[in-house]
Amino acid sequence: MSMSEIIISYEPFFRYLKERGISQNYLLHVHDLSHGMLDRMRKGGNMTLVSIGELLKTLQETDLNKIVEIRIP
């Protein structure tokens, strides 16, 4: 199986923000998230587990599925 077959989606993250009324600007300015991180997430780019862990910590969340969805067709 090649990596190109694995689909990584951060759509759960953006749903999470919307459901809780959290703006991306709030995360950028209050919690110092980088523009690059949010841009990679919007584009479905690669993120390290450390970055995802920091994001979970920032959101005071423990469920990885609230942030990322991994599909293997």
Protein backbone atom coordinates (compact mmCIF):
# COMPACT_ATOMS: atom_id res chain seq x y z
CA MET A 1 0.00 0.00 0.00
CA SER A 2 1.39 3.38 -0.94
CA MET A 3 0.98 6.54 1.12
CA SER A 4 -1.00 8.09 -1.74
CA GLU A 5 -3.83 5.66 -0.98
CA ILE A 6 -4.24 6.96 2.57
CA ILE A 7 -6.61 9.90 2.88
CA ILE A 8 -6.04 12.25 5.80
CA SER A 9 -8.79 14.71 6.58
CA TYR A 10 -8.84 17.42 9.21
CA GLU A 11 -12.53 18.10 8.56
CA PRO A 12 -13.38 16.83 12.08
CA PHE A 13 -11.16 19.63 13.47
CA PHE A 14 -13.03 22.33 11.56
CA ARG A 15 -16.41 20.83 12.58
CA TYR A 16 -15.17 20.76 16.19
CA LEU A 17 -14.32 24.47 16.02
CA LYS A 18 -17.65 25.38 14.44
CA GLU A 19 -19.70 23.34 16.93
CA ARG A 20 -17.97 25.04 19.85
CA GLY A 21 -17.88 28.56 18.40
CA ILE A 22 -14.07 28.66 18.35
CA SER A 23 -12.59 30.85 15.62
CA GLN A 24 -9.36 30.13 13.83
CA ASN A 25 -8.26 33.69 14.66
CA TYR A 26 -8.73 32.89 18.35
CA LEU A 27 -6.41 29.89 18.01
CA LEU A 28 -3.88 31.95 16.05
CA HIS A 29 -3.76 34.92 18.39
CA VAL A 30 -4.62 33.57 21.83
CA HIS A 31 -3.00 30.13 21.62
CA ASP A 32 -0.22 31.04 19.16
CA LEU A 33 -1.07 28.37 16.60
CA SER A 34 0.83 28.97 13.40
CA HIS A 35 -0.75 30.03 10.13
CA GLY A 36 1.24 27.23 8.50
CA MET A 37 -0.38 24.59 10.69
CA LEU A 38 -3.90 25.76 9.92
CA ASP A 39 -3.05 26.07 6.22
CA ARG A 40 -1.70 22.50 6.12
CA MET A 41 -4.86 21.28 7.85
CA ARG A 42 -7.09 23.13 5.38
CA LYS A 43 -5.20 21.52 2.50
CA GLY A 44 -5.09 18.04 4.08
CA GLY A 45 -1.32 18.19 4.39
CA ASN A 46 0.99 16.23 6.61
CA MET A 47 1.25 16.98 10.31
CA THR A 48 3.46 15.38 12.92
CA LEU A 49 1.90 13.53 15.81
CA VAL A 50 3.61 16.02 18.11
CA SER A 51 1.76 18.89 16.36
CA ILE A 52 -1.55 17.04 16.59
CA GLY A 53 -0.86 16.29 20.25
CA GLU A 54 -0.17 19.97 20.95
CA LEU A 55 -3.41 20.88 19.20
CA LEU A 56 -5.33 18.38 21.34
CA LYS A 57 -3.68 19.85 24.44
CA THR A 58 -4.60 23.39 23.35
CA LEU A 59 -8.23 22.35 22.88
CA GLN A 60 -8.19 20.37 26.15
CA GLU A 61 -9.34 17.38 24.14
CA THR A 62 -8.18 13.76 24.36
CA ASP A 63 -10.00 12.20 21.41
CA LEU A 64 -7.84 12.14 18.27
CA ASN A 65 -10.95 11.50 16.17
CA LYS A 66 -12.16 15.01 17.02
CA ILE A 67 -9.19 16.38 15.06
CA VAL A 68 -8.29 14.00 12.26
CA GLU A 69 -9.88 11.29 10.16
CA ILE A 70 -7.71 8.71 8.40
CA ARG A 71 -9.30 6.69 5.62
CA ILE A 72 -7.68 3.75 3.88
CA PRO A 73 -9.74 2.87 0.81
